[in-house]
C-alpha atoms as a PDB file:
ATOM      1  CA  MET A   1      26.166 255.791  19.640  1.00  0.00           C
ATOM      2  CA  THR A   2      23.301 255.578  17.286  1.00  0.00           C
ATOM      3  CA  ASP A   3      19.638 255.918  18.077  1.00  0.00           C
ATOM      4  CA  ILE A   4      18.460 252.401  18.814  1.00  0.00           C
ATOM      5  CA  ASP A   5      15.126 251.363  20.038  1.00  0.00           C
ATOM      6  CA  PHE A   6      16.278 248.697  22.450  1.00  0.00           C
ATOM      7  CA  LEU A   7      12.611 247.778  23.092  1.00  0.00           C
ATOM      8  CA  GLU A   8      12.585 246.129  19.597  1.00  0.00           C
ATOM      9  CA  TYR A   9      15.055 243.559  21.034  1.00  0.00           C
ATOM     10  CA  VAL A  10      12.959 242.628  24.023  1.00  0.00           C
ATOM     11  CA  GLU A  11      10.450 239.836  23.910  1.00  0.00           C
ATOM     12  CA  VAL A  12       7.601 239.662  26.321  1.00  0.00           C
ATOM     13  CA  ILE A  13       6.832 235.956  27.113  1.00  0.00           C
ATOM     14  CA  HIS A  14       3.269 235.529  28.255  1.00  0.00           C
ATOM     15  CA  ASP A  15       1.918 232.906  30.770  1.00  0.00           C
ATOM     16  CA  TRP A  16       5.410 232.094  32.007  1.00  0.00           C
ATOM     17  CA  PRO A  17       6.469 230.995  34.614  1.00  0.00           C
ATOM     18  CA  GLU A  18       2.791 230.423  35.364  1.00  0.00           C
ATOM     19  CA  GLN A  19      -0.521 231.196  33.726  1.00  0.00           C
ATOM     20  CA  GLY A  20      -1.285 234.921  33.900  1.00  0.00           C
ATOM     21  CA  SER A  21       2.289 235.979  34.477  1.00  0.00           C
ATOM     22  CA  ALA A  22       4.817 237.400  31.974  1.00  0.00           C
ATOM     23  CA  VAL A  23       8.517 237.983  31.772  1.00  0.00           C
ATOM     24  CA  CYS A  24      10.783 240.028  29.534  1.00  0.00           C
ATOM     25  CA  ASP A  25      13.469 238.222  27.734  1.00  0.00           C
ATOM     26  CA  VAL A  26      16.493 240.294  26.534  1.00  0.00           C
ATOM     27  CA  SER A  27      18.227 237.397  24.699  1.00  0.00           C
ATOM     28  CA  ARG A  28      17.634 239.017  21.276  1.00  0.00           C
ATOM     29  CA  LEU A  29      19.527 242.155  22.485  1.00  0.00           C
ATOM     30  CA  LEU A  30      22.494 239.940  23.390  1.00  0.00           C
ATOM     31  CA  GLU A  31      22.359 237.996  20.110  1.00  0.00           C
ATOM     32  CA  HIS A  32      22.959 240.894  17.809  1.00  0.00           C
ATOM     33  CA  PRO A  33      26.612 242.092  17.975  1.00  0.00           C
ATOM     34  CA  ASN A  34      26.008 245.754  17.149  1.00  0.00           C
ATOM     35  CA  ILE A  35      22.933 246.034  19.448  1.00  0.00           C
ATOM     36  CA  PHE A  36      24.839 244.204  22.226  1.00  0.00           C
ATOM     37  CA  HIS A  37      27.819 246.531  21.776  1.00  0.00           C
ATOM     38  CA  GLU A  38      25.609 249.729  21.856  1.00  0.00           C
ATOM     39  CA  ALA A  39      23.719 248.413  24.995  1.00  0.00           C
ATOM     40  CA  VAL A  40      27.019 247.710  26.769  1.00  0.00           C
ATOM     41  CA  VAL A  41      28.346 251.137  25.929  1.00  0.00           C
ATOM     42  CA  ALA A  42      25.181 252.934  26.936  1.00  0.00           C
ATOM     43  CA  LEU A  43      25.030 251.103  30.224  1.00  0.00           C
ATOM     44  CA  ALA A  44      28.725 251.451  31.025  1.00  0.00           C
ATOM     45  CA  LYS A  45      29.339 255.128  30.225  1.00  0.00           C
ATOM     46  CA  PRO A  46      27.544 256.616  33.178  1.00  0.00           C
ATOM     47  CA  PHE A  47      30.025 254.706  35.425  1.00  0.00           C
ATOM     48  CA  VAL A  48      33.321 255.836  33.889  1.00  0.00           C
ATOM     49  CA  GLU A  49      33.647 258.802  36.270  1.00  0.00           C
ATOM     50  CA  LEU A  50      32.491 256.768  39.313  1.00  0.00           C
ATOM     51  CA  GLN A  51      35.599 254.604  38.972  1.00  0.00           C
ATOM     52  CA  PRO A  52      34.142 251.194  40.039  1.00  0.00           C
ATOM     53  CA  ASN A  53      36.624 248.332  40.412  1.00  0.00           C
ATOM     54  CA  LYS A  54      34.138 245.446  40.295  1.00  0.00           C
ATOM     55  CA  VAL A  55      30.857 244.570  38.666  1.00  0.00           C
ATOM     56  CA  VAL A  56      28.317 242.142  40.081  1.00  0.00           C
ATOM     57  CA  GLY A  57      26.089 240.477  37.447  1.00  0.00           C
ATOM     58  CA  ILE A  58      22.818 238.865  38.508  1.00  0.00           C
ATOM     59  CA  GLY A  59      21.622 235.753  36.792  1.00  0.00           C
ATOM     60  CA  GLN A  60      22.635 234.545  33.339  1.00  0.00           C
ATOM     61  CA  ARG A  61      21.726 237.647  31.361  1.00  0.00           C
ATOM     62  CA  GLY A  62      23.005 239.928  34.040  1.00  0.00           C
ATOM     63  CA  ILE A  63      26.280 238.220  34.080  1.00  0.00           C
ATOM     64  CA  ALA A  64      26.554 238.434  30.343  1.00  0.00           C
ATOM     65  CA  LEU A  65      26.019 242.082  30.395  1.00  0.00           C
ATOM     66  CA  ALA A  66      28.154 242.611  33.410  1.00  0.00           C
ATOM     67  CA  SER A  67      31.128 240.784  31.819  1.00  0.00           C
ATOM     68  CA  ALA A  68      31.065 243.105  28.851  1.00  0.00           C
ATOM     69  CA  ILE A  69      30.527 246.195  30.996  1.00  0.00           C
ATOM     70  CA  ALA A  70      33.407 245.114  33.365  1.00  0.00           C
ATOM     71  CA  TYR A  71      35.658 244.671  30.342  1.00  0.00           C
ATOM     72  CA  TYR A  72      34.694 248.092  28.923  1.00  0.00           C
ATOM     73  CA  LEU A  73      35.414 249.735  32.404  1.00  0.00           C
ATOM     74  CA  GLY A  74      38.515 247.666  33.185  1.00  0.00           C
ATOM     75  CA  CYS A  75      36.907 246.046  36.230  1.00  0.00           C
ATOM     76  CA  GLY A  76      36.695 242.559  37.698  1.00  0.00           C
ATOM     77  CA  ILE A  77      33.403 240.639  37.676  1.00  0.00           C
ATOM     78  CA  VAL A  78      31.614 238.807  40.434  1.00  0.00           C
ATOM     79  CA  PRO A  79      28.724 236.656  39.375  1.00  0.00           C
ATOM     80  CA  ALA A  80      25.595 236.315  41.535  1.00  0.00           C
ATOM     81  CA  TYR A  81      23.964 233.199  40.156  1.00  0.00           C
ATOM     82  CA  SER A  82      21.881 230.137  40.989  1.00  0.00           C
ATOM     83  CA  ILE A  83      23.902 227.548  42.783  1.00  0.00           C
ATOM     84  CA  ARG A  84      22.391 224.056  43.114  1.00  0.00           C
ATOM     85  CA  ASP A  85      25.015 222.280  45.058  1.00  0.00           C
ATOM     86  CA  VAL A  86      28.190 223.484  46.740  1.00  0.00           C
ATOM     87  CA  PRO A  87      30.773 220.684  47.372  1.00  0.00           C
ATOM     88  CA  GLU A  88      31.289 220.027  51.093  1.00  0.00           C
ATOM     89  CA  ASP A  89      35.071 220.613  50.614  1.00  0.00           C
ATOM     90  CA  CYS A  90      34.514 224.013  48.932  1.00  0.00           C
ATOM     91  CA  SER A  91      36.877 226.420  50.679  1.00  0.00           C
ATOM     92  CA  ARG A  92      35.311 229.598  49.269  1.00  0.00           C
ATOM     93  CA  LYS A  93      32.626 231.250  51.408  1.00  0.00           C
ATOM     94  CA  ILE A  94      29.316 231.615  49.569  1.00  0.00           C
ATOM     95  CA  LYS A  95      27.048 234.483  50.548  1.00  0.00           C
ATOM     96  CA  TRP A  96      23.460 233.293  50.004  1.00  0.00           C
ATOM     97  CA  LEU A  97      20.763 235.576  48.862  1.00  0.00           C
ATOM     98  CA  PRO A  98      17.028 235.150  48.864  1.00  0.00           C
ATOM     99  CA  ALA A  99      15.958 232.980  45.937  1.00  0.00           C
ATOM    100  CA  SER A 100      14.021 234.753  43.177  1.00  0.00           C
ATOM    101  CA  ARG A 101      10.767 233.334  41.933  1.00  0.00           C
ATOM    102  CA  PHE A 102      12.461 232.312  38.662  1.00  0.00           C
ATOM    103  CA  ALA A 103      15.515 230.609  40.194  1.00  0.00           C
ATOM    104  CA  ASP A 104      15.498 226.904  40.616  1.00  0.00           C
ATOM    105  CA  ALA A 105      18.179 227.095  43.263  1.00  0.00           C
ATOM    106  CA  LYS A 106      19.554 229.575  45.815  1.00  0.00           C
ATOM    107  CA  LEU A 107      21.226 232.653  44.499  1.00  0.00           C
ATOM    108  CA  GLY A 108      24.739 233.140  45.805  1.00  0.00           C
ATOM    109  CA  LEU A 109      28.000 234.969  45.279  1.00  0.00           C
ATOM    110  CA  VAL A 110      31.461 234.179  46.444  1.00  0.00           C
ATOM    111  CA  ALA A 111      31.990 236.455  49.468  1.00  0.00           C
ATOM    112  CA  GLU A 112      35.822 236.529  49.125  1.00  0.00           C
ATOM    113  CA  SER A 113      35.442 238.098  45.631  1.00  0.00           C
ATOM    114  CA  ILE A 114      34.392 241.293  47.240  1.00  0.00           C
ATOM    115  CA  ASP A 115      36.986 243.223  49.321  1.00  0.00           C
ATOM    116  CA  PRO A 116      36.352 245.891  51.878  1.00  0.00           C
ATOM    117  CA  GLY A 117      36.421 249.251  50.072  1.00  0.00           C
ATOM    118  CA  ASP A 118      35.470 247.870  46.685  1.00  0.00           C
ATOM    119  CA  ARG A 119      33.437 250.195  44.483  1.00  0.00           C
ATOM    120  CA  ILE A 120      30.801 248.044  42.823  1.00  0.00           C
ATOM    121  CA  ILE A 121      28.150 248.415  40.170  1.00  0.00           C
ATOM    122  CA  ILE A 122      25.252 245.846  39.996  1.00  0.00           C
ATOM    123  CA  ILE A 123      23.962 244.728  36.626  1.00  0.00           C
ATOM    124  CA  ASP A 124      20.592 242.924  36.025  1.00  0.00           C
ATOM    125  CA  ASP A 125      18.468 242.488  32.916  1.00  0.00           C
ATOM    126  CA  TRP A 126      15.095 243.530  34.303  1.00  0.00           C
ATOM    127  CA  LEU A 127      14.160 245.292  37.534  1.00  0.00           C
ATOM    128  CA  ILE A 128      10.605 244.802  38.641  1.00  0.00           C
ATOM    129  CA  ARG A 129      10.420 245.122  42.407  1.00  0.00           C
ATOM    130  CA  GLY A 130      14.220 245.197  42.975  1.00  0.00           C
ATOM    131  CA  LYS A 131      14.303 242.486  45.623  1.00  0.00           C
ATOM    132  CA  THR A 132      17.219 240.627  44.198  1.00  0.00           C
ATOM    133  CA  VAL A 133      19.248 243.817  43.616  1.00  0.00           C
ATOM    134  CA  LEU A 134      18.378 244.922  47.106  1.00  0.00           C
ATOM    135  CA  ALA A 135      19.623 241.567  48.568  1.00  0.00           C
ATOM    136  CA  VAL A 136      22.838 241.859  46.577  1.00  0.00           C
ATOM    137  CA  LEU A 137      23.267 245.450  47.674  1.00  0.00           C
ATOM    138  CA  LYS A 138      22.864 244.427  51.335  1.00  0.00           C
ATOM    139  CA  ALA A 139      25.356 241.594  50.908  1.00  0.00           C
ATOM    140  CA  ILE A 140      27.936 243.944  49.399  1.00  0.00           C
ATOM    141  CA  LYS A 141      27.451 246.434  52.255  1.00  0.00           C
ATOM    142  CA  ASN A 142      27.828 243.590  54.742  1.00  0.00           C
ATOM    143  CA  LEU A 143      31.198 242.760  53.108  1.00  0.00           C
ATOM    144  CA  LYS A 144      32.189 246.466  53.692  1.00  0.00           C
ATOM    145  CA  ALA A 145      32.169 247.446  50.105  1.00  0.00           C
ATOM    146  CA  SER A 146      30.004 250.206  48.435  1.00  0.00           C
ATOM    147  CA  VAL A 147      27.618 250.105  45.533  1.00  0.00           C
ATOM    148  CA  VAL A 148      28.182 253.142  43.328  1.00  0.00           C
ATOM    149  CA  GLY A 149      25.335 252.326  40.847  1.00  0.00           C
ATOM    150  CA  VAL A 150      22.916 249.881  39.328  1.00  0.00           C
ATOM    151  CA  ALA A 151      22.255 249.243  35.611  1.00  0.00           C
ATOM    152  CA  CYS A 152      19.693 247.170  33.822  1.00  0.00           C
ATOM    153  CA  VAL A 153      18.085 246.765  30.446  1.00  0.00           C
ATOM    154  CA  ILE A 154      14.535 247.361  31.602  1.00  0.00           C
ATOM    155  CA  ASN A 155      13.703 249.437  34.769  1.00  0.00           C
ATOM    156  CA  ASN A 156      10.142 248.911  35.923  1.00  0.00           C
ATOM    157  CA  LEU A 157      10.798 249.844  39.499  1.00  0.00           C
ATOM    158  CA  SER A 158       8.108 251.820  41.302  1.00  0.00           C
ATOM    159  CA  GLU A 159       9.228 254.902  43.160  1.00  0.00           C
ATOM    160  CA  ALA A 160       8.703 253.023  46.489  1.00  0.00           C
ATOM    161  CA  SER A 161      10.981 250.175  45.292  1.00  0.00           C
ATOM    162  CA  ARG A 162      13.546 252.651  44.076  1.00  0.00           C
ATOM    163  CA  LYS A 163      13.599 254.343  47.444  1.00  0.00           C
ATOM    164  CA  LYS A 164      14.396 251.019  49.093  1.00  0.00           C
ATOM    165  CA  LEU A 165      17.611 250.784  47.194  1.00  0.00           C
ATOM    166  CA  GLY A 166      18.826 254.051  48.679  1.00  0.00           C
ATOM    167  CA  ARG A 167      21.489 256.161  47.144  1.00  0.00           C
ATOM    168  CA  PRO A 168      22.865 254.389  44.089  1.00  0.00           C
ATOM    169  CA  GLU A 169      21.583 255.681  40.734  1.00  0.00           C
ATOM    170  CA  VAL A 170      19.714 253.279  38.433  1.00  0.00           C
ATOM    171  CA  TYR A 171      20.660 253.474  34.816  1.00  0.00           C
ATOM    172  CA  SER A 172      18.633 251.676  32.179  1.00  0.00           C
ATOM    173  CA  LEU A 173      17.975 251.334  28.462  1.00  0.00           C
ATOM    174  CA  ILE A 174      14.216 251.084  28.807  1.00  0.00           C
ATOM    175  CA  ASN A 175      12.219 252.725  31.542  1.00  0.00           C
ATOM    176  CA  ASP A 176       8.694 251.897  32.718  1.00  0.00           C
ATOM    177  CA  LEU A 177       7.792 249.332  30.099  1.00  0.00           C
ATOM    178  CA  GLU A 178       4.049 249.724  29.781  1.00  0.00           C
ATOM    179  CA  PRO A 179       1.939 247.152  31.647  1.00  0.00           C
ATOM    180  CA  GLN A 180      -0.076 246.826  28.403  1.00  0.00           C
ATOM    181  CA  ALA A 181       2.912 244.883  27.025  1.00  0.00           C
ATOM    182  CA  PHE A 182       2.367 242.218  29.586  1.00  0.00           C
ATOM    183  CA  LYS A 183      -1.317 241.559  28.703  1.00  0.00           C
ATOM    184  CA  SER A 184      -1.751 238.407  26.743  1.00  0.00           C
ATOM    185  CA  ASP A 185      -3.374 238.700  23.340  1.00  0.00           C
ATOM    186  CA  LYS A 186      -5.187 235.405  23.919  1.00  0.00           C
END
């Protein structure tokens, strides 16, 4: 792996989703084949010895990363994504999670995709407070599976938020993105 400053491929979008807020967009990291490859390898390698058998990806970018990480590790993937409507005749049980402030629908995952005893890693693009990851972690535990780790591009979790997650290690490409990056130049 080469020395890559992954921060160069993260864009801070100011005043979204509302005035005074900011979000980090990792789309540029996903767009560049070599950078994407290096990011996937860097995020997947810590999990090789933990032998997970499934990867849960949160949201669009988390699912994109999780798919590649699952492929690298030889695992299955379970998406946790916004679901607007579930057909009444849907036979698959959906596990609903608290909606994030950026989601326009409830976040859910197909419960039967996770079996008791599964060893799972959770992938997201950006951890701020960790509420969505914590909700997914609790859902996985309720399904009698275990979370062996969490990975993300950007880890901005406070120590208090990190402690709420409990045991799983959190691996990231960028740690503690400076709050200055979120201040608007306007």
